[in-house]
C-alpha atoms as a PDB file:
ATOM      1  CA  MET A   1      11.531 -25.407  19.700  1.00  0.00           C
ATOM      2  CA  ALA A   2       8.484 -24.017  17.874  1.00  0.00           C
ATOM      3  CA  ILE A   3       7.279 -20.461  18.373  1.00  0.00           C
ATOM      4  CA  PRO A   4       4.523 -20.678  21.023  1.00  0.00           C
ATOM      5  CA  GLU A   5       0.921 -20.190  19.932  1.00  0.00           C
ATOM      6  CA  SER A   6       0.555 -17.394  22.501  1.00  0.00           C
ATOM      7  CA  GLN A   7       3.472 -15.466  20.954  1.00  0.00           C
ATOM      8  CA  LEU A   8       2.126 -15.799  17.429  1.00  0.00           C
ATOM      9  CA  GLU A   9      -1.309 -14.701  18.607  1.00  0.00           C
ATOM     10  CA  ARG A  10       0.179 -11.576  20.218  1.00  0.00           C
ATOM     11  CA  TRP A  11       1.977 -10.822  16.974  1.00  0.00           C
ATOM     12  CA  SER A  12      -1.335 -11.052  15.122  1.00  0.00           C
ATOM     13  CA  ASN A  13      -2.935  -8.192  17.067  1.00  0.00           C
ATOM     14  CA  GLN A  14      -3.656  -4.883  15.377  1.00  0.00           C
ATOM     15  CA  GLY A  15      -1.924  -1.718  16.515  1.00  0.00           C
ATOM     16  CA  ALA A  16      -3.692   1.462  17.620  1.00  0.00           C
ATOM     17  CA  VAL A  17      -6.013   3.085  15.079  1.00  0.00           C
ATOM     18  CA  ALA A  18      -7.492   6.130  16.845  1.00  0.00           C
ATOM     19  CA  THR A  19      -4.558   8.449  16.150  1.00  0.00           C
ATOM     20  CA  ALA A  20      -4.428   7.342  12.506  1.00  0.00           C
ATOM     21  CA  LYS A  21      -8.088   8.321  12.125  1.00  0.00           C
ATOM     22  CA  GLN A  22      -7.370  11.701  13.739  1.00  0.00           C
ATOM     23  CA  THR A  23      -4.417  12.217  11.389  1.00  0.00           C
ATOM     24  CA  HIS A  24      -6.561  11.477   8.342  1.00  0.00           C
ATOM     25  CA  GLU A  25      -9.301  13.816   9.555  1.00  0.00           C
ATOM     26  CA  SER A  26      -6.725  16.532  10.219  1.00  0.00           C
ATOM     27  CA  ILE A  27      -5.352  16.322   6.651  1.00  0.00           C
ATOM     28  CA  ARG A  28      -8.890  16.370   5.285  1.00  0.00           C
ATOM     29  CA  ALA A  29      -9.708  19.467   7.360  1.00  0.00           C
ATOM     30  CA  ALA A  30      -6.626  21.233   6.005  1.00  0.00           C
ATOM     31  CA  LEU A  31      -7.622  20.533   2.412  1.00  0.00           C
ATOM     32  CA  ASP A  32     -11.302  21.396   2.915  1.00  0.00           C
ATOM     33  CA  ARG A  33     -10.340  25.012   3.666  1.00  0.00           C
ATOM     34  CA  TYR A  34      -8.581  25.544   0.349  1.00  0.00           C
ATOM     35  CA  ASP A  35     -10.113  27.242  -2.700  1.00  0.00           C
ATOM     36  CA  TRP A  36      -9.484  24.601  -5.364  1.00  0.00           C
ATOM     37  CA  PRO A  37      -9.202  25.917  -8.953  1.00  0.00           C
ATOM     38  CA  ASN A  38     -10.222  22.675 -10.675  1.00  0.00           C
ATOM     39  CA  GLY A  39     -12.555  20.856  -8.327  1.00  0.00           C
ATOM     40  CA  LYS A  40     -12.164  19.451  -4.829  1.00  0.00           C
ATOM     41  CA  PRO A  41      -9.903  16.366  -4.595  1.00  0.00           C
ATOM     42  CA  GLU A  42     -10.786  13.015  -3.101  1.00  0.00           C
ATOM     43  CA  VAL A  43      -8.963  12.262   0.157  1.00  0.00           C
ATOM     44  CA  TYR A  44      -8.573   8.727   1.487  1.00  0.00           C
ATOM     45  CA  LEU A  45      -6.311   6.472   3.519  1.00  0.00           C
ATOM     46  CA  GLN A  46      -4.067   3.816   2.030  1.00  0.00           C
ATOM     47  CA  GLY A  47      -1.430   1.519   3.489  1.00  0.00           C
ATOM     48  CA  SER A  48      -1.507  -0.516   6.688  1.00  0.00           C
ATOM     49  CA  TYR A  49      -3.945   1.704   8.597  1.00  0.00           C
ATOM     50  CA  LYS A  50      -6.481   1.585   5.774  1.00  0.00           C
ATOM     51  CA  ASN A  51      -6.052  -2.167   5.332  1.00  0.00           C
ATOM     52  CA  SER A  52      -6.161  -2.982   9.076  1.00  0.00           C
ATOM     53  CA  THR A  53      -2.711  -4.576   8.887  1.00  0.00           C
ATOM     54  CA  ASN A  54      -0.937  -2.006  11.055  1.00  0.00           C
ATOM     55  CA  ILE A  55       1.064  -3.262  14.002  1.00  0.00           C
ATOM     56  CA  ARG A  56       2.363  -1.641  17.140  1.00  0.00           C
ATOM     57  CA  GLY A  57       5.130   0.771  16.209  1.00  0.00           C
ATOM     58  CA  ASP A  58       3.731   1.730  12.797  1.00  0.00           C
ATOM     59  CA  SER A  59       3.766   5.511  12.661  1.00  0.00           C
ATOM     60  CA  ASP A  60       3.425   7.327   9.337  1.00  0.00           C
ATOM     61  CA  VAL A  61      -0.133   7.479   8.040  1.00  0.00           C
ATOM     62  CA  ASP A  62      -0.445   7.250   4.246  1.00  0.00           C
ATOM     63  CA  VAL A  63      -3.054   9.647   2.876  1.00  0.00           C
ATOM     64  CA  VAL A  64      -3.925   9.884  -0.816  1.00  0.00           C
ATOM     65  CA  VAL A  65      -5.096  13.199  -2.289  1.00  0.00           C
ATOM     66  CA  GLN A  66      -6.503  12.320  -5.694  1.00  0.00           C
ATOM     67  CA  LEU A  67      -7.852  14.688  -8.335  1.00  0.00           C
ATOM     68  CA  ASN A  68     -10.447  13.001 -10.549  1.00  0.00           C
ATOM     69  CA  SER A  69     -11.246  15.905 -12.880  1.00  0.00           C
ATOM     70  CA  ILE A  70      -8.104  15.073 -14.870  1.00  0.00           C
ATOM     71  CA  PHE A  71      -6.574  11.675 -15.561  1.00  0.00           C
ATOM     72  CA  ARG A  72      -3.930   9.656 -17.361  1.00  0.00           C
ATOM     73  CA  SER A  73      -4.645   6.360 -19.105  1.00  0.00           C
ATOM     74  CA  ASN A  74      -3.284   3.585 -21.290  1.00  0.00           C
ATOM     75  CA  LEU A  75      -5.409   4.659 -24.290  1.00  0.00           C
ATOM     76  CA  THR A  76      -3.763   5.179 -27.649  1.00  0.00           C
ATOM     77  CA  GLU A  77      -3.878   8.634 -29.227  1.00  0.00           C
ATOM     78  CA  GLU A  78      -6.473   7.342 -31.682  1.00  0.00           C
ATOM     79  CA  GLN A  79      -8.699   6.048 -28.873  1.00  0.00           C
ATOM     80  CA  LYS A  80      -8.412   9.351 -27.021  1.00  0.00           C
ATOM     81  CA  ARG A  81      -9.628  11.175 -30.129  1.00  0.00           C
ATOM     82  CA  TRP A  82     -12.436   8.636 -30.561  1.00  0.00           C
ATOM     83  CA  PHE A  83     -13.740   9.394 -27.062  1.00  0.00           C
ATOM     84  CA  GLY A  84     -13.208  13.129 -27.479  1.00  0.00           C
ATOM     85  CA  PHE A  85     -10.588  13.450 -24.750  1.00  0.00           C
ATOM     86  CA  THR A  86      -8.393  16.558 -24.831  1.00  0.00           C
ATOM     87  CA  ASN A  87      -5.287  17.601 -22.906  1.00  0.00           C
ATOM     88  CA  ALA A  88      -5.978  19.069 -19.489  1.00  0.00           C
ATOM     89  CA  THR A  89      -5.114  22.714 -18.906  1.00  0.00           C
ATOM     90  CA  TYR A  90      -4.515  22.109 -15.184  1.00  0.00           C
ATOM     91  CA  THR A  91      -1.570  19.771 -14.606  1.00  0.00           C
ATOM     92  CA  TRP A  92      -0.477  17.340 -11.912  1.00  0.00           C
ATOM     93  CA  ARG A  93       2.422  19.671 -11.024  1.00  0.00           C
ATOM     94  CA  GLU A  94       0.024  22.578 -10.471  1.00  0.00           C
ATOM     95  CA  PHE A  95      -2.267  20.368  -8.406  1.00  0.00           C
ATOM     96  CA  ARG A  96       0.627  19.169  -6.246  1.00  0.00           C
ATOM     97  CA  GLU A  97       1.656  22.756  -5.612  1.00  0.00           C
ATOM     98  CA  ASP A  98      -1.908  23.646  -4.592  1.00  0.00           C
ATOM     99  CA  VAL A  99      -1.952  20.724  -2.149  1.00  0.00           C
ATOM    100  CA  ARG A 100       1.376  21.873  -0.717  1.00  0.00           C
ATOM    101  CA  LYS A 101       0.048  25.420  -0.291  1.00  0.00           C
ATOM    102  CA  ALA A 102      -3.113  24.145   1.407  1.00  0.00           C
ATOM    103  CA  LEU A 103      -1.104  22.094   3.893  1.00  0.00           C
ATOM    104  CA  ILE A 104       1.318  24.943   4.634  1.00  0.00           C
ATOM    105  CA  GLU A 105      -1.562  27.371   5.212  1.00  0.00           C
ATOM    106  CA  TYR A 106      -3.031  24.973   7.780  1.00  0.00           C
ATOM    107  CA  TYR A 107       0.044  23.519   9.517  1.00  0.00           C
ATOM    108  CA  GLY A 108       2.773  26.090   8.832  1.00  0.00           C
ATOM    109  CA  LEU A 109       5.838  25.958   6.604  1.00  0.00           C
ATOM    110  CA  SER A 110       7.988  24.074   9.132  1.00  0.00           C
ATOM    111  CA  LYS A 111       5.494  21.183   9.289  1.00  0.00           C
ATOM    112  CA  VAL A 112       5.444  20.411   5.553  1.00  0.00           C
ATOM    113  CA  ARG A 113       8.401  19.241   3.510  1.00  0.00           C
ATOM    114  CA  GLN A 114       8.986  17.713   0.104  1.00  0.00           C
ATOM    115  CA  GLY A 115       9.666  13.999  -0.035  1.00  0.00           C
ATOM    116  CA  LYS A 116      10.718  11.891  -2.994  1.00  0.00           C
ATOM    117  CA  LYS A 117       7.224  10.549  -3.679  1.00  0.00           C
ATOM    118  CA  SER A 118       5.042  12.369  -1.164  1.00  0.00           C
ATOM    119  CA  LEU A 119       4.633  15.449   0.976  1.00  0.00           C
ATOM    120  CA  LYS A 120       5.795  14.810   4.544  1.00  0.00           C
ATOM    121  CA  VAL A 121       3.395  16.439   6.998  1.00  0.00           C
ATOM    122  CA  GLN A 122       3.781  16.653  10.768  1.00  0.00           C
ATOM    123  CA  THR A 123       0.229  16.771  12.089  1.00  0.00           C
ATOM    124  CA  PRO A 124      -0.672  17.192  15.795  1.00  0.00           C
ATOM    125  CA  TYR A 125      -1.253  13.406  15.872  1.00  0.00           C
ATOM    126  CA  LEU A 126       0.948  11.190  13.681  1.00  0.00           C
ATOM    127  CA  PRO A 127       3.252  12.132  10.797  1.00  0.00           C
ATOM    128  CA  SER A 128       1.634  11.671   7.404  1.00  0.00           C
ATOM    129  CA  ASP A 129       2.902  10.817   3.942  1.00  0.00           C
ATOM    130  CA  VAL A 130       0.550  12.678   1.604  1.00  0.00           C
ATOM    131  CA  VAL A 131       0.579  11.192  -1.890  1.00  0.00           C
ATOM    132  CA  VAL A 132      -0.633  13.757  -4.433  1.00  0.00           C
ATOM    133  CA  CYS A 133      -2.018  12.039  -7.511  1.00  0.00           C
ATOM    134  CA  ILE A 134      -4.521  12.152 -10.335  1.00  0.00           C
ATOM    135  CA  GLN A 135      -6.844   9.417 -11.480  1.00  0.00           C
ATOM    136  CA  TYR A 136      -5.455   6.646 -13.666  1.00  0.00           C
ATOM    137  CA  ARG A 137      -7.701   4.710 -16.023  1.00  0.00           C
ATOM    138  CA  LYS A 138      -6.688   1.251 -17.144  1.00  0.00           C
ATOM    139  CA  TYR A 139      -8.765   0.434 -20.210  1.00  0.00           C
ATOM    140  CA  PRO A 140      -9.077  -2.976 -21.902  1.00  0.00           C
ATOM    141  CA  GLN A 141      -7.550  -3.305 -25.362  1.00  0.00           C
ATOM    142  CA  HIS A 142     -10.901  -2.573 -26.991  1.00  0.00           C
ATOM    143  CA  PRO A 143     -12.933  -0.419 -24.566  1.00  0.00           C
ATOM    144  CA  LYS A 144     -16.693  -0.365 -25.083  1.00  0.00           C
ATOM    145  CA  SER A 145     -17.091   3.150 -23.707  1.00  0.00           C
ATOM    146  CA  GLU A 146     -15.139   5.882 -21.963  1.00  0.00           C
ATOM    147  CA  ASP A 147     -16.346   4.440 -18.638  1.00  0.00           C
ATOM    148  CA  ASP A 148     -14.978   0.951 -19.372  1.00  0.00           C
ATOM    149  CA  PHE A 149     -11.885   1.184 -17.164  1.00  0.00           C
ATOM    150  CA  ILE A 150     -10.312   0.039 -13.906  1.00  0.00           C
ATOM    151  CA  GLU A 151      -9.581   2.975 -11.622  1.00  0.00           C
ATOM    152  CA  GLY A 152      -6.128   3.536 -10.228  1.00  0.00           C
ATOM    153  CA  MET A 153      -4.041   6.540  -9.355  1.00  0.00           C
ATOM    154  CA  THR A 154      -0.798   7.965 -10.699  1.00  0.00           C
ATOM    155  CA  PHE A 155       1.804  10.552  -9.763  1.00  0.00           C
ATOM    156  CA  TYR A 156       5.111  11.745 -11.173  1.00  0.00           C
ATOM    157  CA  VAL A 157       8.510  11.225  -9.547  1.00  0.00           C
ATOM    158  CA  PRO A 158      10.703  14.112 -10.797  1.00  0.00           C
ATOM    159  CA  SER A 159      13.964  12.642  -9.517  1.00  0.00           C
ATOM    160  CA  GLU A 160      13.332   9.478 -11.561  1.00  0.00           C
ATOM    161  CA  GLY A 161      11.565  11.051 -14.525  1.00  0.00           C
ATOM    162  CA  ARG A 162       8.662   8.601 -14.475  1.00  0.00           C
ATOM    163  CA  TRP A 163       5.005   8.158 -13.591  1.00  0.00           C
ATOM    164  CA  VAL A 164       4.073   5.675 -10.858  1.00  0.00           C
ATOM    165  CA  VAL A 165       0.770   3.832 -11.261  1.00  0.00           C
ATOM    166  CA  ASN A 166      -0.969   2.003  -8.433  1.00  0.00           C
ATOM    167  CA  PHE A 167      -4.413   0.732  -7.486  1.00  0.00           C
ATOM    168  CA  PRO A 168      -4.937   1.304  -3.724  1.00  0.00           C
ATOM    169  CA  LYS A 169      -8.732   0.951  -3.844  1.00  0.00           C
ATOM    170  CA  LEU A 170      -8.463  -2.453  -5.506  1.00  0.00           C
ATOM    171  CA  HIS A 171      -5.752  -3.433  -3.010  1.00  0.00           C
ATOM    172  CA  TYR A 172      -8.159  -2.678  -0.181  1.00  0.00           C
ATOM    173  CA  ASP A 173     -11.169  -4.416  -1.750  1.00  0.00           C
ATOM    174  CA  ASN A 174      -9.201  -7.559  -2.563  1.00  0.00           C
ATOM    175  CA  GLY A 175      -7.785  -7.688   0.960  1.00  0.00           C
ATOM    176  CA  VAL A 176     -11.273  -7.479   2.446  1.00  0.00           C
ATOM    177  CA  ASP A 177     -12.401 -10.303   0.172  1.00  0.00           C
ATOM    178  CA  LYS A 178      -9.374 -12.460   1.033  1.00  0.00           C
ATOM    179  CA  ASN A 179      -9.973 -11.868   4.740  1.00  0.00           C
ATOM    180  CA  SER A 180     -13.602 -12.922   4.367  1.00  0.00           C
ATOM    181  CA  ARG A 181     -12.693 -16.081   2.439  1.00  0.00           C
ATOM    182  CA  THR A 182     -10.238 -17.070   5.212  1.00  0.00           C
ATOM    183  CA  SER A 183     -12.702 -16.334   8.042  1.00  0.00           C
ATOM    184  CA  GLY A 184     -10.629 -13.381   9.240  1.00  0.00           C
ATOM    185  CA  TRP A 185      -7.311 -15.239   9.315  1.00  0.00           C
ATOM    186  CA  TYR A 186      -5.676 -13.355   6.451  1.00  0.00           C
ATOM    187  CA  LYS A 187      -5.169  -9.975   8.142  1.00  0.00           C
ATOM    188  CA  HIS A 188      -4.221 -11.639  11.438  1.00  0.00           C
ATOM    189  CA  THR A 189      -1.585 -13.565   9.498  1.00  0.00           C
ATOM    190  CA  VAL A 190      -0.215 -10.461   7.774  1.00  0.00           C
ATOM    191  CA  ARG A 191       0.228  -8.783  11.153  1.00  0.00           C
ATOM    192  CA  MET A 192       1.784 -11.953  12.616  1.00  0.00           C
ATOM    193  CA  PHE A 193       4.461 -12.068   9.919  1.00  0.00           C
ATOM    194  CA  LYS A 194       5.039  -8.308  10.052  1.00  0.00           C
ATOM    195  CA  ASN A 195       5.723  -8.553  13.790  1.00  0.00           C
ATOM    196  CA  ALA A 196       7.960 -11.603  13.281  1.00  0.00           C
ATOM    197  CA  ARG A 197       9.926  -9.578  10.724  1.00  0.00           C
ATOM    198  CA  THR A 198      10.216  -6.629  13.141  1.00  0.00           C
ATOM    199  CA  TYR A 199      11.364  -8.998  15.895  1.00  0.00           C
ATOM    200  CA  LEU A 200      14.176 -10.223  13.640  1.00  0.00           C
ATOM    201  CA  ILE A 201      15.187  -6.739  12.473  1.00  0.00           C
ATOM    202  CA  GLU A 202      15.518  -5.658  16.098  1.00  0.00           C
ATOM    203  CA  ARG A 203      17.945  -8.580  16.447  1.00  0.00           C
ATOM    204  CA  GLU A 204      20.197  -7.493  13.573  1.00  0.00           C
ATOM    205  CA  ALA A 205      18.383  -8.943  10.561  1.00  0.00           C
ATOM    206  CA  PRO A 206      18.573  -6.727   7.411  1.00  0.00           C
ATOM    207  CA  GLN A 207      16.432  -3.582   7.606  1.00  0.00           C
ATOM    208  CA  ASP A 208      14.933  -4.383   4.206  1.00  0.00           C
ATOM    209  CA  LEU A 209      14.028  -7.941   5.207  1.00  0.00           C
ATOM    210  CA  ALA A 210      10.428  -7.583   4.006  1.00  0.00           C
ATOM    211  CA  PRO A 211       8.809  -4.179   3.345  1.00  0.00           C
ATOM    212  CA  SER A 212       5.228  -4.185   4.591  1.00  0.00           C
ATOM    213  CA  TYR A 213       3.560  -3.722   1.205  1.00  0.00           C
ATOM    214  CA  PHE A 214       5.506  -6.559  -0.423  1.00  0.00           C
ATOM    215  CA  LEU A 215       4.951  -8.854   2.558  1.00  0.00           C
ATOM    216  CA  GLU A 216       1.203  -8.276   2.422  1.00  0.00           C
ATOM    217  CA  CYS A 217       1.153  -8.935  -1.334  1.00  0.00           C
ATOM    218  CA  LEU A 218       3.215 -12.107  -0.875  1.00  0.00           C
ATOM    219  CA  LEU A 219       0.741 -13.524   1.630  1.00  0.00           C
ATOM    220  CA  TYR A 220      -2.182 -12.529  -0.590  1.00  0.00           C
ATOM    221  CA  ASN A 221      -0.984 -15.132  -3.103  1.00  0.00           C
ATOM    222  CA  VAL A 222      -1.035 -17.981  -0.576  1.00  0.00           C
ATOM    223  CA  LEU A 223      -3.914 -20.436  -1.052  1.00  0.00           C
ATOM    224  CA  ASP A 224      -6.890 -19.647   1.184  1.00  0.00           C
ATOM    225  CA  GLY A 225      -6.822 -23.149   2.667  1.00  0.00           C
ATOM    226  CA  LYS A 226      -3.415 -22.540   4.232  1.00  0.00           C
ATOM    227  CA  PHE A 227      -4.913 -20.042   6.705  1.00  0.00           C
ATOM    228  CA  GLY A 228      -6.693 -21.098   9.872  1.00  0.00           C
ATOM    229  CA  LYS A 229      -7.019 -23.718  12.640  1.00  0.00           C
ATOM    230  CA  SER A 230      -4.227 -22.174  14.756  1.00  0.00           C
ATOM    231  CA  PHE A 231      -1.489 -19.580  14.433  1.00  0.00           C
ATOM    232  CA  GLN A 232       1.185 -22.274  14.577  1.00  0.00           C
ATOM    233  CA  ASP A 233      -0.495 -24.233  11.785  1.00  0.00           C
ATOM    234  CA  THR A 234      -0.910 -21.073   9.725  1.00  0.00           C
ATOM    235  CA  PHE A 235       2.709 -20.007  10.187  1.00  0.00           C
ATOM    236  CA  CYS A 236       4.046 -23.405   9.099  1.00  0.00           C
ATOM    237  CA  ASN A 237       1.527 -23.941   6.294  1.00  0.00           C
ATOM    238  CA  VAL A 238       2.213 -20.521   4.786  1.00  0.00           C
ATOM    239  CA  VAL A 239       6.016 -20.778   4.944  1.00  0.00           C
ATOM    240  CA  ASN A 240       6.062 -24.362   3.633  1.00  0.00           C
ATOM    241  CA  TRP A 241       3.710 -23.512   0.769  1.00  0.00           C
ATOM    242  CA  LEU A 242       5.702 -20.437  -0.228  1.00  0.00           C
ATOM    243  CA  ASN A 243       8.956 -22.395  -0.225  1.00  0.00           C
ATOM    244  CA  LEU A 244       7.567 -24.641  -2.976  1.00  0.00           C
ATOM    245  CA  ALA A 245       5.604 -21.975  -4.864  1.00  0.00           C
ATOM    246  CA  ASP A 246       6.196 -20.750  -8.406  1.00  0.00           C
ATOM    247  CA  PHE A 247       6.697 -17.004  -7.946  1.00  0.00           C
ATOM    248  CA  SER A 248       6.330 -16.250 -11.655  1.00  0.00           C
ATOM    249  CA  GLN A 249       2.542 -16.088 -11.323  1.00  0.00           C
ATOM    250  CA  PHE A 250       2.413 -13.959  -8.159  1.00  0.00           C
ATOM    251  CA  VAL A 251       0.564 -10.646  -8.338  1.00  0.00           C
ATOM    252  CA  CYS A 252       0.266  -7.607  -6.106  1.00  0.00           C
ATOM    253  CA  GLN A 253      -2.868  -7.515  -3.980  1.00  0.00           C
ATOM    254  CA  ASN A 254      -4.486  -5.184  -6.516  1.00  0.00           C
ATOM    255  CA  GLU A 255      -4.165  -8.013  -9.083  1.00  0.00           C
ATOM    256  CA  GLN A 256      -3.128  -5.485 -11.750  1.00  0.00           C
ATOM    257  CA  LEU A 257       0.652  -5.713 -11.389  1.00  0.00           C
ATOM    258  CA  SER A 258       3.126  -8.595 -11.081  1.00  0.00           C
ATOM    259  CA  LEU A 259       4.646  -8.797  -7.606  1.00  0.00           C
ATOM    260  CA  PHE A 260       8.139  -9.651  -8.842  1.00  0.00           C
ATOM    261  CA  GLY A 261      10.135  -7.661 -11.366  1.00  0.00           C
ATOM    262  CA  ASN A 262      12.673  -4.907 -11.840  1.00  0.00           C
ATOM    263  CA  SER A 263      10.619  -1.777 -11.147  1.00  0.00           C
ATOM    264  CA  PRO A 264      10.777   0.017  -7.767  1.00  0.00           C
ATOM    265  CA  GLU A 265       7.154  -1.033  -7.202  1.00  0.00           C
ATOM    266  CA  GLN A 266       8.104  -4.719  -7.404  1.00  0.00           C
ATOM    267  CA  TRP A 267       9.997  -7.121  -5.148  1.00  0.00           C
ATOM    268  CA  SER A 268      12.816  -9.555  -5.937  1.00  0.00           C
ATOM    269  CA  GLU A 269      12.509 -13.331  -5.673  1.00  0.00           C
ATOM    270  CA  GLN A 270      15.943 -13.473  -4.070  1.00  0.00           C
ATOM    271  CA  LYS A 271      14.905 -11.206  -1.198  1.00  0.00           C
ATOM    272  CA  THR A 272      11.708 -13.196  -0.764  1.00  0.00           C
ATOM    273  CA  ARG A 273      13.672 -16.432  -0.423  1.00  0.00           C
ATOM    274  CA  ARG A 274      15.897 -14.682   2.114  1.00  0.00           C
ATOM    275  CA  PHE A 275      12.817 -13.651   4.113  1.00  0.00           C
ATOM    276  CA  LEU A 276      11.462 -17.215   4.101  1.00  0.00           C
ATOM    277  CA  SER A 277      14.838 -18.520   5.269  1.00  0.00           C
ATOM    278  CA  TYR A 278      14.734 -16.124   8.213  1.00  0.00           C
ATOM    279  CA  MET A 279      11.197 -17.273   9.072  1.00  0.00           C
ATOM    280  CA  MET A 280      12.239 -20.938   9.075  1.00  0.00           C
ATOM    281  CA  GLN A 281      15.284 -20.173  11.194  1.00  0.00           C
ATOM    282  CA  LEU A 282      13.147 -18.219  13.663  1.00  0.00           C
ATOM    283  CA  TRP A 283      10.781 -21.174  14.021  1.00  0.00           C
ATOM    284  CA  GLU A 284      13.552 -23.723  14.462  1.00  0.00           C
ATOM    285  CA  THR A 285      15.692 -21.749  16.914  1.00  0.00           C
ATOM    286  CA  TRP A 286      13.010 -20.122  19.065  1.00  0.00           C
ATOM    287  CA  GLY A 287      13.977 -20.151  22.728  1.00  0.00           C
ATOM    288  CA  GLN A 288      17.626 -20.980  22.081  1.00  0.00           C
END
């Protein structure tokens, strides 16, 4: 028995957004009060609340605190000298500590703790993962000027001894464009599959069945023509297309990174095939 259209439509609905907005504004208010030694940082949402793909039950609000007065890049040492760039005297570590101090001054020590990749903040609204980063500049091989770059962000993970690079602004812009090209079906479809995944996890499917970011990126690669007409058609068209797809060309929604690979910021093809198998089984056994 197929999953009813009414069920899929319910799964496509967006979760609450008011408390996420209040959480973001609360973090911004905390940081606005601080006396910044190297310029005021940029504060913006990322993740499901920013991208309008949040579902009921999503809690943590991802907030990025990005300092643009210093940056890292993919330039060679020779190119850095050519553009006159010099090493910053204020470091990411110092900036992260200033952000931590600002949040503690506003919320209190018990409400702010260190996470692996973010600061965990308990606001009066929703909990927030505050990602403290600096600007990242991705230059072409032969940049025409110092402004010839794609903007991303980067932060250091001490426990892993590495810098993480991501492009949340591009992720957002590309999602908006994809949603427009599919007449609004794309984000409805992301939420539909996220809720289907949650439904299965609540019934003993693996907890890591499909992390939200990877699931959204997976669906971003699906041809635009596979979205639309009805939720049942979209569900089947998407799953059937993905089952025959060549994953080697899949990219993250920011279109700057490959979706599949061995880094922690990439997914595995094996786990993706497992997810698709669960989706097919859910469709075929619904109501049994």
